[in-house]
Amino acid sequence: MPFINTKYSGEITPEQEQEIKTQLAEAVKLIGKTESWLMVGFEPECSLYFKGEKSERIAFVEVSLYGSAPAAGCGKMTAEICRILGEVLGVPADKVYVKYSPTDNWGWNGNNF
């Protein structure tokens, strides 16, 4: 049950959103998750600064997880997220932060798992 939210400093077209979503659906397998519970969000045109400077292409990606994922899988997932954002949006890997937030409390459909 991952939720992957991307804050990005520029515009994202509907076609780019679709491409990123499709590639993330494959990437979540690296952390033992599936697309059947994947939720993806986009926050384009965010005001983001890195190293004191505002950049045209910079992203902050939050990966929220029900349960946990192995550290090795998270490392591979980070590499894949950076590759995807570089390929689709032109974001350099050194301008991407990825944060993982595992939790044991996750609600859906009026209940918690």
Protein backbone atom coordinates (compact mmCIF):
# COMPACT_ATOMS: atom_id res chain seq x y z
CA MET A 1 0.00 0.00 0.00
CA PRO A 2 2.46 2.63 -1.06
CA PHE A 3 1.63 6.24 -1.72
CA ILE A 4 4.24 7.99 -3.84
CA ASN A 5 3.94 11.76 -3.92
CA THR A 6 6.17 13.91 -6.10
CA LYS A 7 6.71 17.61 -5.49
CA TYR A 8 8.29 19.14 -8.57
CA SER A 9 9.47 22.66 -9.31
CA GLY A 10 8.15 22.74 -12.88
CA GLU A 11 5.08 21.86 -14.89
CA ILE A 12 4.02 18.25 -15.44
CA THR A 13 1.85 17.43 -18.44
CA PRO A 14 -0.89 14.80 -18.20
CA GLU A 15 1.21 12.61 -20.51
CA GLN A 16 4.23 12.92 -18.20
CA GLU A 17 2.08 12.06 -15.18
CA GLN A 18 0.84 8.95 -16.96
CA GLU A 19 4.36 7.88 -17.92
CA ILE A 20 5.72 8.41 -14.39
CA LYS A 21 2.75 6.57 -12.87
CA THR A 22 3.23 3.64 -15.24
CA GLN A 23 6.94 3.37 -14.47
CA LEU A 24 6.40 3.72 -10.71
CA ALA A 25 3.89 0.85 -10.90
CA GLU A 26 6.78 -1.37 -12.03
CA ALA A 27 9.31 0.18 -9.65
CA VAL A 28 7.29 -0.60 -6.49
CA LYS A 29 8.07 -4.27 -7.06
CA LEU A 30 11.62 -3.41 -5.92
CA ILE A 31 10.26 -2.82 -2.41
CA GLY A 32 7.93 -5.80 -2.42
CA LYS A 33 4.76 -3.88 -3.25
CA THR A 34 2.30 -4.07 -6.15
CA GLU A 35 0.37 -1.65 -8.32
CA SER A 36 -2.94 -3.05 -7.04
CA TRP A 37 -2.62 -0.85 -3.92
CA LEU A 38 -0.41 1.92 -5.32
CA MET A 39 -1.57 5.55 -5.09
CA VAL A 40 0.44 8.23 -6.89
CA GLY A 41 0.22 11.99 -6.43
CA PHE A 42 1.80 14.98 -8.17
CA GLU A 43 2.38 18.50 -6.91
CA PRO A 44 3.79 20.48 -9.84
CA GLU A 45 5.13 24.01 -9.76
CA CYS A 46 6.29 23.82 -6.14
CA SER A 47 8.65 26.45 -4.86
CA LEU A 48 11.68 24.32 -3.94
CA TYR A 49 15.18 25.38 -2.95
CA PHE A 50 18.26 23.18 -2.73
CA LYS A 51 21.66 24.29 -1.43
CA GLY A 52 20.22 27.79 -1.06
CA GLU A 53 19.19 28.07 -4.69
CA LYS A 54 15.89 27.82 -6.50
CA SER A 55 16.20 25.33 -9.32
CA GLU A 56 14.14 24.89 -12.48
CA ARG A 57 14.30 21.12 -12.16
CA ILE A 58 14.22 19.77 -8.63
CA ALA A 59 12.01 17.16 -6.95
CA PHE A 60 11.12 15.82 -3.53
CA VAL A 61 9.54 12.36 -3.58
CA GLU A 62 7.79 10.86 -0.55
CA VAL A 63 7.24 7.11 -0.48
CA SER A 64 4.77 6.25 2.28
CA LEU A 65 4.45 2.54 3.05
CA TYR A 66 2.15 0.33 5.04
CA GLY A 67 4.65 -1.88 6.81
CA SER A 68 8.27 -1.67 5.82
CA ALA A 69 10.61 -2.42 2.95
CA PRO A 70 14.16 -3.81 2.97
CA ALA A 71 16.96 -1.23 2.87
CA ALA A 72 18.41 -2.79 -0.29
CA GLY A 73 15.02 -2.50 -1.99
CA CYS A 74 14.74 1.15 -0.97
CA GLY A 75 18.17 1.81 -2.44
CA LYS A 76 17.14 0.27 -5.75
CA MET A 77 13.84 2.16 -5.63
CA THR A 78 15.66 5.47 -5.11
CA ALA A 79 17.85 4.77 -8.14
CA GLU A 80 14.75 3.93 -10.19
CA ILE A 81 12.86 7.05 -9.06
CA CYS A 82 15.85 9.19 -10.04
CA ARG A 83 16.07 7.43 -13.42
CA ILE A 84 12.34 7.92 -14.08
CA LEU A 85 12.33 11.61 -13.15
CA GLY A 86 15.47 12.18 -15.18
CA GLU A 87 14.03 10.45 -18.23
CA VAL A 88 10.53 11.95 -18.10
CA LEU A 89 11.10 15.40 -16.57
CA GLY A 90 14.82 16.00 -17.09
CA VAL A 91 15.53 16.23 -13.34
CA PRO A 92 19.19 15.50 -12.56
CA ALA A 93 19.60 12.73 -9.97
CA ASP A 94 21.54 15.10 -7.70
CA LYS A 95 18.44 17.33 -7.53
CA VAL A 96 16.10 14.60 -6.21
CA TYR A 97 15.46 13.75 -2.56
CA VAL A 98 13.53 10.58 -1.77
CA LYS A 99 12.01 10.05 1.69
CA TYR A 100 10.64 6.70 2.89
CA SER A 101 8.00 6.67 5.62
CA PRO A 102 6.94 3.21 6.79
CA THR A 103 3.96 2.93 9.15
CA ASP A 104 2.00 0.24 10.93
CA ASN A 105 -1.15 2.40 10.95
CA TRP A 106 -2.81 2.67 7.57
CA GLY A 107 -6.49 3.29 6.95
CA TRP A 108 -8.64 2.41 3.99
CA ASN A 109 -12.33 1.96 3.38
CA GLY A 110 -13.34 3.16 6.86
CA ASN A 111 -10.97 0.82 8.73
CA ASN A 112 -7.32 0.38 9.61
CA PHE A 113 -5.28 -2.61 8.54
